[in-house]
């Protein structure tokens, strides 16, 4: 899996990088077919913003959150992302189950 963390108007410190990686672990554990992750952390005046794009086969999942505290924004961001990944995983599994059911009826 390719992980890219970048900052706009903010330096991505080793502590910040480790925090993002730790938050990403459960998301990747829920869906092991993640091919790449792009995280952008930015500061605009008093707003701390975190964005993430997760590349999975056939789709890109995107989430963003902003607030006064960057760490809190990262927490909310990965909660949103985790829900999206679980929903996508369920959709893929249901789709494959539907295909198998259709083949058994035809045979």
Protein backbone atom coordinates (compact mmCIF):
# COMPACT_ATOMS: atom_id res chain seq x y z
CA UNK A 1 0.00 0.00 0.00
CA UNK A 2 1.27 3.42 -0.96
CA UNK A 3 0.85 6.10 1.73
CA UNK A 4 1.50 9.75 0.96
CA UNK A 5 1.14 12.42 3.64
CA UNK A 6 1.63 16.05 2.68
CA UNK A 7 1.11 19.38 4.36
CA UNK A 8 0.04 22.76 3.04
CA UNK A 9 1.29 25.64 5.18
CA UNK A 10 2.19 23.09 7.85
CA UNK A 11 5.17 20.85 8.46
CA UNK A 12 4.30 17.18 8.73
CA UNK A 13 6.25 16.25 11.85
CA UNK A 14 7.17 12.64 12.66
CA UNK A 15 4.60 12.73 15.50
CA UNK A 16 1.86 13.91 13.13
CA UNK A 17 2.84 11.28 10.56
CA UNK A 18 2.74 8.53 13.19
CA UNK A 19 -0.66 9.73 14.43
CA UNK A 20 -2.12 9.56 10.90
CA UNK A 21 -0.59 6.11 10.32
CA UNK A 22 -2.07 4.80 13.58
CA UNK A 23 -5.50 6.16 12.65
CA UNK A 24 -5.22 4.55 9.21
CA UNK A 25 -4.43 1.06 10.55
CA UNK A 26 -8.01 0.07 11.49
CA UNK A 27 -9.32 1.33 8.14
CA UNK A 28 -6.82 -0.81 6.23
CA UNK A 29 -7.54 -3.77 8.51
CA UNK A 30 -11.25 -3.56 7.65
CA UNK A 31 -10.54 -3.66 3.92
CA UNK A 32 -7.27 -5.20 2.80
CA UNK A 33 -7.59 -4.22 -0.87
CA UNK A 34 -6.51 -0.60 -0.32
CA UNK A 35 -3.91 0.24 -2.95
CA UNK A 36 -3.02 3.79 -1.96
CA UNK A 37 -3.78 6.57 0.48
CA UNK A 38 -3.20 10.32 0.06
CA UNK A 39 -3.51 12.50 3.16
CA UNK A 40 -3.35 16.30 2.95
CA UNK A 41 -3.08 18.33 6.13
CA UNK A 42 -3.47 22.08 5.81
CA UNK A 43 -3.82 25.25 7.83
CA UNK A 44 -5.90 28.18 6.59
CA UNK A 45 -5.96 31.07 9.08
CA UNK A 46 -7.63 29.57 12.17
CA UNK A 47 -8.88 26.46 10.38
CA UNK A 48 -7.04 23.14 10.56
CA UNK A 49 -8.10 20.89 7.70
CA UNK A 50 -7.47 17.21 7.00
CA UNK A 51 -8.36 15.44 3.75
CA UNK A 52 -7.86 11.83 2.73
CA UNK A 53 -8.34 9.92 -0.50
CA UNK A 54 -8.24 6.13 -0.34
CA UNK A 55 -7.73 4.22 -3.57
CA UNK A 56 -9.49 0.86 -3.73
CA UNK A 57 -10.10 -1.28 -6.83
CA UNK A 58 -12.64 0.51 -9.00
CA UNK A 59 -13.18 3.51 -6.76
CA UNK A 60 -11.63 6.36 -4.78
CA UNK A 61 -13.07 7.15 -1.36
CA UNK A 62 -12.71 10.75 -0.16
CA UNK A 63 -13.33 12.38 3.21
CA UNK A 64 -12.44 15.74 4.71
CA UNK A 65 -12.89 17.55 7.99
CA UNK A 66 -11.82 20.89 9.39
CA UNK A 67 -11.83 22.49 12.80
CA UNK A 68 -9.75 24.34 15.35
CA UNK A 69 -7.68 21.30 16.38
CA UNK A 70 -5.86 19.29 13.72
CA UNK A 71 -5.74 16.10 15.79
CA UNK A 72 -9.51 16.26 16.42
CA UNK A 73 -10.06 16.85 12.69
CA UNK A 74 -7.95 13.79 11.90
CA UNK A 75 -10.01 11.71 14.37
CA UNK A 76 -13.32 12.72 12.79
CA UNK A 77 -11.87 12.32 9.30
CA UNK A 78 -10.85 8.71 9.85
CA UNK A 79 -14.19 7.91 11.52
CA UNK A 80 -15.92 9.13 8.34
CA UNK A 81 -13.49 7.20 6.18
CA UNK A 82 -13.92 4.00 8.19
CA UNK A 83 -17.70 4.14 7.65
CA UNK A 84 -17.18 4.67 3.91
CA UNK A 85 -14.75 1.76 3.66
CA UNK A 86 -17.09 -0.59 5.55
CA UNK A 87 -20.02 0.47 3.36
CA UNK A 88 -17.96 -0.07 0.19
CA UNK A 89 -16.71 -3.45 1.42
CA UNK A 90 -20.29 -4.55 2.19
CA UNK A 91 -21.43 -3.39 -1.25
CA UNK A 92 -18.65 -5.37 -2.95
CA UNK A 93 -19.43 -8.50 -0.91
CA UNK A 94 -23.18 -8.22 -1.59
CA UNK A 95 -22.49 -7.74 -5.28
CA UNK A 96 -20.36 -10.89 -5.44
CA UNK A 97 -22.93 -12.87 -3.47
CA UNK A 98 -25.61 -11.70 -5.91
CA UNK A 99 -23.53 -12.89 -8.86
CA UNK A 100 -23.15 -16.38 -7.41
CA UNK A 101 -26.86 -16.64 -6.64
CA UNK A 102 -27.72 -15.65 -10.22
CA UNK A 103 -25.37 -18.30 -11.66
CA UNK A 104 -26.92 -21.06 -9.57
CA UNK A 105 -30.42 -20.19 -10.79
CA UNK A 106 -29.32 -20.30 -14.44
CA UNK A 107 -27.55 -23.66 -14.21
